[in-house]
């Protein structure tokens, strides 16, 4: 299958215990693309890379992990920055520096020139920030109408980038309506729909058009809903260094398994890939060999 990921590549400035900041390549779409490649899936990243120092570092990170960049855009604008603080539990909080940066400046011409892929994943800030977000939504509507492409979406909500919750909710629902697969965290759902049960939100998204909706619950695992029913998967208990990129690693593994594994097995694999990502700092997903070594297949009886 031909995989593509459309969206941002961001420099994560992660605060260290001594108060200094360490720069790491990040951004949800870049993380998903790298994780897919490490799981031995051929993937293209459709991103806009700055020509500056940080942009060159992001491009080198993608290339060094075997991610295709044939359709990436070289941009004059600076790279997006995220300042990241890690709390004692390993959870990450973000401050973003996004004004005038490269990731949101998609043009209709950029997107019209893209070739066909079997799977196209997008989400996060690239879908929420103008002017590119609306143009990406137009692209997904066209792909949904044409058929032939599995569209995947992860809202990956970042509070603090907007104070208009209603507008953000409408935007997420518009993308859910044109996606075949939607993955969200329980934290995202709580931010978008305060006081509502996750199961009710999932049912609403499915009524909009999403065929498979998956909700991750951190160490408590995940559940998936399709027309055939609800599937629950327990969490994996691991020593957590931080949670940066764990949701993206889960997303990548879910896509890598789509169509080749039953949903319960796909959820289990995705949970394991996410858990291994939590055992090391930054968005550093495991390779397929590392997953197989950590979770060897049971011997035939």
C-alpha atoms as a PDB file:
ATOM      1  CA  UNK A   1       0.000   0.000   0.000  1.00  0.00           C
ATOM      2  CA  UNK A   2       1.108   3.562  -0.692  1.00  0.00           C
ATOM      3  CA  UNK A   3       0.933   5.705   2.467  1.00  0.00           C
ATOM      4  CA  UNK A   4       1.082   9.491   2.667  1.00  0.00           C
ATOM      5  CA  UNK A   5       0.946  11.844   5.634  1.00  0.00           C
ATOM      6  CA  UNK A   6      -0.042  15.468   5.124  1.00  0.00           C
ATOM      7  CA  UNK A   7       0.794  18.112   7.714  1.00  0.00           C
ATOM      8  CA  UNK A   8       3.337  19.882   9.823  1.00  0.00           C
ATOM      9  CA  UNK A   9       6.925  19.229  10.841  1.00  0.00           C
ATOM     10  CA  UNK A  10       7.743  21.053  14.085  1.00  0.00           C
ATOM     11  CA  UNK A  11      10.782  21.555  16.281  1.00  0.00           C
ATOM     12  CA  UNK A  12       9.985  20.477  19.857  1.00  0.00           C
ATOM     13  CA  UNK A  13      12.011  22.461  22.383  1.00  0.00           C
ATOM     14  CA  UNK A  14      11.768  20.097  25.346  1.00  0.00           C
ATOM     15  CA  UNK A  15      12.584  21.466  28.793  1.00  0.00           C
ATOM     16  CA  UNK A  16      15.224  19.419  30.580  1.00  0.00           C
ATOM     17  CA  UNK A  17      15.438  19.002  34.378  1.00  0.00           C
ATOM     18  CA  UNK A  18      18.181  21.655  34.516  1.00  0.00           C
ATOM     19  CA  UNK A  19      15.869  24.207  32.846  1.00  0.00           C
ATOM     20  CA  UNK A  20      17.635  24.185  29.483  1.00  0.00           C
ATOM     21  CA  UNK A  21      15.792  23.209  26.310  1.00  0.00           C
ATOM     22  CA  UNK A  22      16.757  20.435  23.894  1.00  0.00           C
ATOM     23  CA  UNK A  23      15.578  20.631  20.273  1.00  0.00           C
ATOM     24  CA  UNK A  24      13.966  17.512  18.806  1.00  0.00           C
ATOM     25  CA  UNK A  25      12.191  16.965  15.475  1.00  0.00           C
ATOM     26  CA  UNK A  26       8.454  16.637  16.034  1.00  0.00           C
ATOM     27  CA  UNK A  27       4.991  17.572  14.909  1.00  0.00           C
ATOM     28  CA  UNK A  28       2.241  14.962  14.803  1.00  0.00           C
ATOM     29  CA  UNK A  29       2.278  14.300  11.015  1.00  0.00           C
ATOM     30  CA  UNK A  30       6.076  14.023  10.881  1.00  0.00           C
ATOM     31  CA  UNK A  31       5.950  11.659  13.862  1.00  0.00           C
ATOM     32  CA  UNK A  32       3.325   9.480  12.168  1.00  0.00           C
ATOM     33  CA  UNK A  33       5.364   9.318   8.960  1.00  0.00           C
ATOM     34  CA  UNK A  34       8.561   8.342  10.800  1.00  0.00           C
ATOM     35  CA  UNK A  35       6.702   5.697  12.810  1.00  0.00           C
ATOM     36  CA  UNK A  36       5.180   4.222   9.641  1.00  0.00           C
ATOM     37  CA  UNK A  37       8.599   4.029   8.040  1.00  0.00           C
ATOM     38  CA  UNK A  38      10.101   2.330  11.099  1.00  0.00           C
ATOM     39  CA  UNK A  39       7.243  -0.198  10.872  1.00  0.00           C
ATOM     40  CA  UNK A  40       8.456  -0.902   7.300  1.00  0.00           C
ATOM     41  CA  UNK A  41       5.649   0.847   5.486  1.00  0.00           C
ATOM     42  CA  UNK A  42       6.541   2.977   2.431  1.00  0.00           C
ATOM     43  CA  UNK A  43       5.409   6.500   3.231  1.00  0.00           C
ATOM     44  CA  UNK A  44       5.604   9.988   1.750  1.00  0.00           C
ATOM     45  CA  UNK A  45       5.447  13.090   3.952  1.00  0.00           C
ATOM     46  CA  UNK A  46       3.588  15.983   2.363  1.00  0.00           C
ATOM     47  CA  UNK A  47       4.998  18.867   4.394  1.00  0.00           C
ATOM     48  CA  UNK A  48       6.282  22.389   3.898  1.00  0.00           C
ATOM     49  CA  UNK A  49       9.917  22.589   5.044  1.00  0.00           C
ATOM     50  CA  UNK A  50      11.575  25.876   5.882  1.00  0.00           C
ATOM     51  CA  UNK A  51      14.939  26.550   4.268  1.00  0.00           C
ATOM     52  CA  UNK A  52      16.280  27.731   7.645  1.00  0.00           C
ATOM     53  CA  UNK A  53      18.364  25.773  10.137  1.00  0.00           C
ATOM     54  CA  UNK A  54      15.397  24.133  11.845  1.00  0.00           C
ATOM     55  CA  UNK A  55      13.709  23.323   8.540  1.00  0.00           C
ATOM     56  CA  UNK A  56      16.852  21.619   7.290  1.00  0.00           C
ATOM     57  CA  UNK A  57      17.060  19.618  10.507  1.00  0.00           C
ATOM     58  CA  UNK A  58      13.441  18.474  10.136  1.00  0.00           C
ATOM     59  CA  UNK A  59      14.010  17.470   6.525  1.00  0.00           C
ATOM     60  CA  UNK A  60      17.150  15.520   7.457  1.00  0.00           C
ATOM     61  CA  UNK A  61      15.256  13.712  10.221  1.00  0.00           C
ATOM     62  CA  UNK A  62      12.563  12.585   7.784  1.00  0.00           C
ATOM     63  CA  UNK A  63      15.085  11.512   5.146  1.00  0.00           C
ATOM     64  CA  UNK A  64      17.236   9.725   7.706  1.00  0.00           C
ATOM     65  CA  UNK A  65      14.244   7.626   8.706  1.00  0.00           C
ATOM     66  CA  UNK A  66      13.413   6.583   5.161  1.00  0.00           C
ATOM     67  CA  UNK A  67      10.435   8.907   4.731  1.00  0.00           C
ATOM     68  CA  UNK A  68       9.853   9.961   1.138  1.00  0.00           C
ATOM     69  CA  UNK A  69       9.871  13.704   0.446  1.00  0.00           C
ATOM     70  CA  UNK A  70       9.296  13.795  -3.299  1.00  0.00           C
ATOM     71  CA  UNK A  71       6.176  15.907  -2.871  1.00  0.00           C
ATOM     72  CA  UNK A  72       7.314  18.069   0.052  1.00  0.00           C
ATOM     73  CA  UNK A  73       7.396  21.839  -0.481  1.00  0.00           C
ATOM     74  CA  UNK A  74      10.445  24.031   0.096  1.00  0.00           C
ATOM     75  CA  UNK A  75       9.216  27.135   1.917  1.00  0.00           C
ATOM     76  CA  UNK A  76      10.684  30.549   2.667  1.00  0.00           C
ATOM     77  CA  UNK A  77       8.794  30.918   5.963  1.00  0.00           C
ATOM     78  CA  UNK A  78      10.421  29.826   9.257  1.00  0.00           C
ATOM     79  CA  UNK A  79       9.775  26.473  10.924  1.00  0.00           C
ATOM     80  CA  UNK A  80       7.151  26.136  13.639  1.00  0.00           C
ATOM     81  CA  UNK A  81       8.401  25.796  17.220  1.00  0.00           C
ATOM     82  CA  UNK A  82       6.808  24.091  20.223  1.00  0.00           C
ATOM     83  CA  UNK A  83       8.085  24.599  23.760  1.00  0.00           C
ATOM     84  CA  UNK A  84       7.388  21.427  25.744  1.00  0.00           C
ATOM     85  CA  UNK A  85       7.272  20.942  29.508  1.00  0.00           C
ATOM     86  CA  UNK A  86       7.147  17.445  31.024  1.00  0.00           C
ATOM     87  CA  UNK A  87       5.330  16.927  34.323  1.00  0.00           C
ATOM     88  CA  UNK A  88       6.339  14.261  36.901  1.00  0.00           C
ATOM     89  CA  UNK A  89       3.997  11.684  35.303  1.00  0.00           C
ATOM     90  CA  UNK A  90       5.633  12.132  31.900  1.00  0.00           C
ATOM     91  CA  UNK A  91       2.735  14.049  30.345  1.00  0.00           C
ATOM     92  CA  UNK A  92       3.650  16.911  28.024  1.00  0.00           C
ATOM     93  CA  UNK A  93       2.285  20.462  27.880  1.00  0.00           C
ATOM     94  CA  UNK A  94       2.930  22.641  24.821  1.00  0.00           C
ATOM     95  CA  UNK A  95       3.352  26.302  23.953  1.00  0.00           C
ATOM     96  CA  UNK A  96       3.413  26.933  20.195  1.00  0.00           C
ATOM     97  CA  UNK A  97       5.109  29.619  18.102  1.00  0.00           C
ATOM     98  CA  UNK A  98       3.112  29.461  14.880  1.00  0.00           C
ATOM     99  CA  UNK A  99       2.548  32.936  13.445  1.00  0.00           C
ATOM    100  CA  UNK A 100       3.807  33.208   9.871  1.00  0.00           C
ATOM    101  CA  UNK A 101       5.459  29.792   9.897  1.00  0.00           C
ATOM    102  CA  UNK A 102       5.777  27.439   6.937  1.00  0.00           C
ATOM    103  CA  UNK A 103       3.388  24.662   7.916  1.00  0.00           C
ATOM    104  CA  UNK A 104       0.074  26.453   7.314  1.00  0.00           C
ATOM    105  CA  UNK A 105       0.760  28.159   3.978  1.00  0.00           C
ATOM    106  CA  UNK A 106      -0.563  25.435   1.678  1.00  0.00           C
ATOM    107  CA  UNK A 107      -1.845  26.658  -1.654  1.00  0.00           C
ATOM    108  CA  UNK A 108      -4.492  25.063  -3.843  1.00  0.00           C
ATOM    109  CA  UNK A 109      -1.756  24.487  -6.437  1.00  0.00           C
ATOM    110  CA  UNK A 110       0.429  22.594  -3.922  1.00  0.00           C
ATOM    111  CA  UNK A 111      -2.389  20.231  -3.046  1.00  0.00           C
ATOM    112  CA  UNK A 112      -3.733  19.805  -6.578  1.00  0.00           C
ATOM    113  CA  UNK A 113      -0.348  18.493  -7.702  1.00  0.00           C
ATOM    114  CA  UNK A 114      -0.324  15.567  -5.277  1.00  0.00           C
ATOM    115  CA  UNK A 115      -0.461  12.042  -6.757  1.00  0.00           C
ATOM    116  CA  UNK A 116      -2.866   9.336  -5.666  1.00  0.00           C
ATOM    117  CA  UNK A 117      -2.151   7.289  -2.539  1.00  0.00           C
ATOM    118  CA  UNK A 118      -3.891   4.281  -1.025  1.00  0.00           C
ATOM    119  CA  UNK A 119      -3.895   5.862   2.443  1.00  0.00           C
ATOM    120  CA  UNK A 120      -3.719   9.569   3.283  1.00  0.00           C
ATOM    121  CA  UNK A 121      -3.426  10.586   6.924  1.00  0.00           C
ATOM    122  CA  UNK A 122      -3.666  14.135   8.217  1.00  0.00           C
ATOM    123  CA  UNK A 123      -4.667  16.094  11.286  1.00  0.00           C
ATOM    124  CA  UNK A 124      -3.280  18.175  14.119  1.00  0.00           C
ATOM    125  CA  UNK A 125      -2.328  21.814  13.619  1.00  0.00           C
ATOM    126  CA  UNK A 126      -2.146  21.650   9.817  1.00  0.00           C
ATOM    127  CA  UNK A 127      -5.894  21.086   9.686  1.00  0.00           C
ATOM    128  CA  UNK A 128      -6.719  23.703  12.294  1.00  0.00           C
ATOM    129  CA  UNK A 129      -4.647  26.689  11.130  1.00  0.00           C
ATOM    130  CA  UNK A 130      -5.555  29.009   8.239  1.00  0.00           C
ATOM    131  CA  UNK A 131      -5.115  29.275   5.364  1.00  0.00           C
ATOM    132  CA  UNK A 132      -3.950  25.717   4.817  1.00  0.00           C
ATOM    133  CA  UNK A 133      -6.558  23.985   6.952  1.00  0.00           C
ATOM    134  CA  UNK A 134      -9.470  24.885   4.702  1.00  0.00           C
ATOM    135  CA  UNK A 135      -7.516  23.837   1.608  1.00  0.00           C
ATOM    136  CA  UNK A 136      -6.693  20.461   3.157  1.00  0.00           C
ATOM    137  CA  UNK A 137     -10.376  19.975   3.974  1.00  0.00           C
ATOM    138  CA  UNK A 138     -11.262  20.716   0.339  1.00  0.00           C
ATOM    139  CA  UNK A 139      -8.731  18.098  -0.770  1.00  0.00           C
ATOM    140  CA  UNK A 140     -10.194  15.472   1.572  1.00  0.00           C
ATOM    141  CA  UNK A 141     -13.727  16.188   0.379  1.00  0.00           C
ATOM    142  CA  UNK A 142     -12.578  15.568  -3.181  1.00  0.00           C
ATOM    143  CA  UNK A 143     -10.804  12.340  -2.241  1.00  0.00           C
ATOM    144  CA  UNK A 144     -13.861  11.102  -0.359  1.00  0.00           C
ATOM    145  CA  UNK A 145     -16.075  11.836  -3.358  1.00  0.00           C
ATOM    146  CA  UNK A 146     -13.704  10.142  -5.805  1.00  0.00           C
ATOM    147  CA  UNK A 147     -13.091   7.041  -3.682  1.00  0.00           C
ATOM    148  CA  UNK A 148      -9.994   4.875  -3.850  1.00  0.00           C
ATOM    149  CA  UNK A 149      -8.150   6.581  -0.971  1.00  0.00           C
ATOM    150  CA  UNK A 150      -8.506   5.657   2.685  1.00  0.00           C
ATOM    151  CA  UNK A 151      -8.598   8.996   4.535  1.00  0.00           C
ATOM    152  CA  UNK A 152      -7.383   9.050   8.136  1.00  0.00           C
ATOM    153  CA  UNK A 153      -7.677  11.952  10.593  1.00  0.00           C
ATOM    154  CA  UNK A 154      -6.446  12.726  14.115  1.00  0.00           C
ATOM    155  CA  UNK A 155      -7.562  16.096  15.533  1.00  0.00           C
ATOM    156  CA  UNK A 156      -4.717  16.081  18.090  1.00  0.00           C
ATOM    157  CA  UNK A 157      -6.215  19.134  19.793  1.00  0.00           C
ATOM    158  CA  UNK A 158      -3.802  21.708  21.187  1.00  0.00           C
ATOM    159  CA  UNK A 159      -5.470  24.039  23.704  1.00  0.00           C
ATOM    160  CA  UNK A 160      -4.124  27.567  23.748  1.00  0.00           C
ATOM    161  CA  UNK A 161      -4.069  28.013  19.977  1.00  0.00           C
ATOM    162  CA  UNK A 162      -7.684  29.160  19.957  1.00  0.00           C
ATOM    163  CA  UNK A 163     -10.231  30.356  22.487  1.00  0.00           C
ATOM    164  CA  UNK A 164     -13.160  29.624  20.164  1.00  0.00           C
ATOM    165  CA  UNK A 165     -14.122  26.117  21.215  1.00  0.00           C
ATOM    166  CA  UNK A 166     -17.267  26.095  19.084  1.00  0.00           C
ATOM    167  CA  UNK A 167     -15.330  26.921  15.918  1.00  0.00           C
ATOM    168  CA  UNK A 168     -12.728  24.263  16.726  1.00  0.00           C
ATOM    169  CA  UNK A 169     -15.456  21.681  17.317  1.00  0.00           C
ATOM    170  CA  UNK A 170     -17.093  22.524  13.987  1.00  0.00           C
ATOM    171  CA  UNK A 171     -13.748  22.164  12.224  1.00  0.00           C
ATOM    172  CA  UNK A 172     -13.058  18.762  13.797  1.00  0.00           C
ATOM    173  CA  UNK A 173     -16.523  17.538  12.856  1.00  0.00           C
ATOM    174  CA  UNK A 174     -16.048  18.717   9.273  1.00  0.00           C
ATOM    175  CA  UNK A 175     -12.891  16.605   9.001  1.00  0.00           C
ATOM    176  CA  UNK A 176     -14.520  13.627  10.740  1.00  0.00           C
ATOM    177  CA  UNK A 177     -17.274  13.755   8.112  1.00  0.00           C
ATOM    178  CA  UNK A 178     -14.796  13.132   5.263  1.00  0.00           C
ATOM    179  CA  UNK A 179     -12.535  10.606   7.018  1.00  0.00           C
ATOM    180  CA  UNK A 180     -12.756   6.829   6.898  1.00  0.00           C
ATOM    181  CA  UNK A 181     -10.666   6.442  10.064  1.00  0.00           C
ATOM    182  CA  UNK A 182     -10.648   8.887  12.984  1.00  0.00           C
ATOM    183  CA  UNK A 183      -8.406   8.520  16.024  1.00  0.00           C
ATOM    184  CA  UNK A 184      -8.694  10.773  19.068  1.00  0.00           C
ATOM    185  CA  UNK A 185      -7.537  10.724  22.659  1.00  0.00           C
ATOM    186  CA  UNK A 186      -9.965  10.829  25.555  1.00  0.00           C
ATOM    187  CA  UNK A 187      -8.263  14.097  26.583  1.00  0.00           C
ATOM    188  CA  UNK A 188      -9.120  15.646  23.199  1.00  0.00           C
ATOM    189  CA  UNK A 189     -12.744  14.585  23.539  1.00  0.00           C
ATOM    190  CA  UNK A 190     -12.943  16.083  27.030  1.00  0.00           C
ATOM    191  CA  UNK A 191     -11.616  19.401  25.687  1.00  0.00           C
ATOM    192  CA  UNK A 192     -13.917  19.443  22.668  1.00  0.00           C
ATOM    193  CA  UNK A 193     -17.059  18.150  24.383  1.00  0.00           C
ATOM    194  CA  UNK A 194     -16.934  18.955  28.107  1.00  0.00           C
ATOM    195  CA  UNK A 195     -19.213  16.755  30.148  1.00  0.00           C
ATOM    196  CA  UNK A 196     -20.128  14.376  27.303  1.00  0.00           C
ATOM    197  CA  UNK A 197     -19.379  10.669  27.343  1.00  0.00           C
ATOM    198  CA  UNK A 198     -16.754   9.570  24.865  1.00  0.00           C
ATOM    199  CA  UNK A 199     -19.104   6.876  23.530  1.00  0.00           C
ATOM    200  CA  UNK A 200     -21.706   9.520  22.635  1.00  0.00           C
ATOM    201  CA  UNK A 201     -19.156  11.609  20.735  1.00  0.00           C
ATOM    202  CA  UNK A 202     -17.895   8.554  18.868  1.00  0.00           C
ATOM    203  CA  UNK A 203     -21.449   7.682  17.831  1.00  0.00           C
ATOM    204  CA  UNK A 204     -21.930  11.237  16.559  1.00  0.00           C
ATOM    205  CA  UNK A 205     -18.708  11.146  14.528  1.00  0.00           C
ATOM    206  CA  UNK A 206     -19.706   7.840  13.007  1.00  0.00           C
ATOM    207  CA  UNK A 207     -23.084   9.313  12.051  1.00  0.00           C
ATOM    208  CA  UNK A 208     -21.216  12.083  10.216  1.00  0.00           C
ATOM    209  CA  UNK A 209     -19.457   9.557   8.014  1.00  0.00           C
ATOM    210  CA  UNK A 210     -16.416   8.056   9.766  1.00  0.00           C
ATOM    211  CA  UNK A 211     -16.325   4.273   9.401  1.00  0.00           C
ATOM    212  CA  UNK A 212     -13.830   3.494  12.183  1.00  0.00           C
ATOM    213  CA  UNK A 213     -13.412   5.713  15.249  1.00  0.00           C
ATOM    214  CA  UNK A 214     -10.720   4.898  17.811  1.00  0.00           C
ATOM    215  CA  UNK A 215     -10.324   6.558  21.208  1.00  0.00           C
ATOM    216  CA  UNK A 216      -7.062   6.182  23.124  1.00  0.00           C
ATOM    217  CA  UNK A 217      -7.034   6.307  26.921  1.00  0.00           C
ATOM    218  CA  UNK A 218      -3.340   6.385  27.750  1.00  0.00           C
ATOM    219  CA  UNK A 219      -2.324   3.586  30.080  1.00  0.00           C
ATOM    220  CA  UNK A 220      -5.937   2.373  30.135  1.00  0.00           C
ATOM    221  CA  UNK A 221      -5.789   1.265  26.514  1.00  0.00           C
ATOM    222  CA  UNK A 222      -8.158   2.141  23.689  1.00  0.00           C
ATOM    223  CA  UNK A 223     -11.507   1.270  22.188  1.00  0.00           C
ATOM    224  CA  UNK A 224     -12.724   1.240  18.595  1.00  0.00           C
ATOM    225  CA  UNK A 225     -16.209   1.509  17.135  1.00  0.00           C
ATOM    226  CA  UNK A 226     -17.344   0.354  13.707  1.00  0.00           C
ATOM    227  CA  UNK A 227     -20.651  -0.633  12.155  1.00  0.00           C
ATOM    228  CA  UNK A 228     -19.963  -4.144  13.480  1.00  0.00           C
ATOM    229  CA  UNK A 229     -19.583  -3.177  17.115  1.00  0.00           C
ATOM    230  CA  UNK A 230     -17.232  -1.940  19.829  1.00  0.00           C
ATOM    231  CA  UNK A 231     -13.777  -3.373  20.453  1.00  0.00           C
ATOM    232  CA  UNK A 232     -11.875  -2.731  23.667  1.00  0.00           C
ATOM    233  CA  UNK A 233      -8.131  -3.133  24.150  1.00  0.00           C
ATOM    234  CA  UNK A 234      -6.311  -2.968  27.517  1.00  0.00           C
ATOM    235  CA  UNK A 235      -3.284  -0.771  28.057  1.00  0.00           C
ATOM    236  CA  UNK A 236       0.353  -1.799  28.247  1.00  0.00           C
ATOM    237  CA  UNK A 237       2.151  -1.065  31.518  1.00  0.00           C
ATOM    238  CA  UNK A 238       5.634   0.358  30.944  1.00  0.00           C
ATOM    239  CA  UNK A 239       7.997   2.759  32.744  1.00  0.00           C
ATOM    240  CA  UNK A 240       7.136   6.170  31.264  1.00  0.00           C
ATOM    241  CA  UNK A 241       9.862   8.676  30.399  1.00  0.00           C
ATOM    242  CA  UNK A 242       7.449  10.981  28.584  1.00  0.00           C
ATOM    243  CA  UNK A 243       4.361  10.704  26.389  1.00  0.00           C
ATOM    244  CA  UNK A 244       5.613  12.823  23.465  1.00  0.00           C
ATOM    245  CA  UNK A 245       4.655  11.168  20.193  1.00  0.00           C
ATOM    246  CA  UNK A 246       2.848   8.224  21.797  1.00  0.00           C
ATOM    247  CA  UNK A 247      -0.473   9.033  20.142  1.00  0.00           C
ATOM    248  CA  UNK A 248       1.263   9.462  16.795  1.00  0.00           C
ATOM    249  CA  UNK A 249       3.001   6.088  17.187  1.00  0.00           C
ATOM    250  CA  UNK A 250      -0.397   4.519  17.965  1.00  0.00           C
ATOM    251  CA  UNK A 251      -1.863   6.150  14.860  1.00  0.00           C
ATOM    252  CA  UNK A 252       0.934   4.880  12.643  1.00  0.00           C
ATOM    253  CA  UNK A 253       0.634   1.320  13.906  1.00  0.00           C
ATOM    254  CA  UNK A 254      -3.142   1.402  13.479  1.00  0.00           C
ATOM    255  CA  UNK A 255      -2.707   2.458   9.842  1.00  0.00           C
ATOM    256  CA  UNK A 256       0.075  -0.065   9.252  1.00  0.00           C
ATOM    257  CA  UNK A 257      -2.243  -2.834  10.461  1.00  0.00           C
ATOM    258  CA  UNK A 258      -5.372  -1.601   8.680  1.00  0.00           C
ATOM    259  CA  UNK A 259      -6.775  -4.201   6.346  1.00  0.00           C
ATOM    260  CA  UNK A 260      -4.191  -6.817   7.351  1.00  0.00           C
ATOM    261  CA  UNK A 261      -5.214  -7.531  10.969  1.00  0.00           C
ATOM    262  CA  UNK A 262      -8.530  -7.878  12.762  1.00  0.00           C
ATOM    263  CA  UNK A 263      -9.360  -4.743  14.739  1.00  0.00           C
ATOM    264  CA  UNK A 264      -8.556  -6.255  18.177  1.00  0.00           C
ATOM    265  CA  UNK A 265      -5.086  -7.269  16.984  1.00  0.00           C
ATOM    266  CA  UNK A 266      -4.525  -3.885  15.339  1.00  0.00           C
ATOM    267  CA  UNK A 267      -5.444  -2.118  18.585  1.00  0.00           C
ATOM    268  CA  UNK A 268      -3.094  -4.364  20.551  1.00  0.00           C
ATOM    269  CA  UNK A 269      -0.227  -3.662  18.164  1.00  0.00           C
ATOM    270  CA  UNK A 270      -0.896   0.073  18.226  1.00  0.00           C
ATOM    271  CA  UNK A 271      -0.960   0.087  22.017  1.00  0.00           C
ATOM    272  CA  UNK A 272       2.362  -1.707  22.184  1.00  0.00           C
ATOM    273  CA  UNK A 273       4.026   0.653  19.720  1.00  0.00           C
ATOM    274  CA  UNK A 274       2.726   3.634  21.701  1.00  0.00           C
ATOM    275  CA  UNK A 275       3.876   2.120  24.990  1.00  0.00           C
ATOM    276  CA  UNK A 276       7.408   1.560  23.720  1.00  0.00           C
ATOM    277  CA  UNK A 277       7.510   5.189  22.546  1.00  0.00           C
ATOM    278  CA  UNK A 278       6.739   6.274  26.115  1.00  0.00           C
ATOM    279  CA  UNK A 279       9.807   4.461  27.431  1.00  0.00           C
ATOM    280  CA  UNK A 280      12.239   6.882  25.777  1.00  0.00           C
ATOM    281  CA  UNK A 281      12.441  10.643  25.507  1.00  0.00           C
ATOM    282  CA  UNK A 282      10.815  12.609  22.714  1.00  0.00           C
ATOM    283  CA  UNK A 283       8.942  11.349  19.660  1.00  0.00           C
ATOM    284  CA  UNK A 284      11.106   8.268  19.100  1.00  0.00           C
ATOM    285  CA  UNK A 285       8.859   5.403  17.938  1.00  0.00           C
ATOM    286  CA  UNK A 286      10.181   1.846  17.832  1.00  0.00           C
ATOM    287  CA  UNK A 287      11.183  -0.091  14.760  1.00  0.00           C
ATOM    288  CA  UNK A 288       9.289  -3.225  13.812  1.00  0.00           C
ATOM    289  CA  UNK A 289      12.239  -5.298  15.043  1.00  0.00           C
ATOM    290  CA  UNK A 290      12.088  -3.576  18.435  1.00  0.00           C
ATOM    291  CA  UNK A 291       8.365  -4.249  18.711  1.00  0.00           C
ATOM    292  CA  UNK A 292       8.860  -7.913  17.835  1.00  0.00           C
ATOM    293  CA  UNK A 293      11.695  -8.226  20.359  1.00  0.00           C
ATOM    294  CA  UNK A 294       9.663  -6.614  23.141  1.00  0.00           C
ATOM    295  CA  UNK A 295       6.526  -8.618  22.381  1.00  0.00           C
ATOM    296  CA  UNK A 296       7.592 -11.924  20.811  1.00  0.00           C
ATOM    297  CA  UNK A 297       4.902 -14.025  19.209  1.00  0.00           C
ATOM    298  CA  UNK A 298       3.878 -17.024  21.331  1.00  0.00           C
ATOM    299  CA  UNK A 299       5.383 -20.326  20.283  1.00  0.00           C
ATOM    300  CA  UNK A 300       2.997 -22.759  18.599  1.00  0.00           C
ATOM    301  CA  UNK A 301       1.744 -25.363  21.031  1.00  0.00           C
END
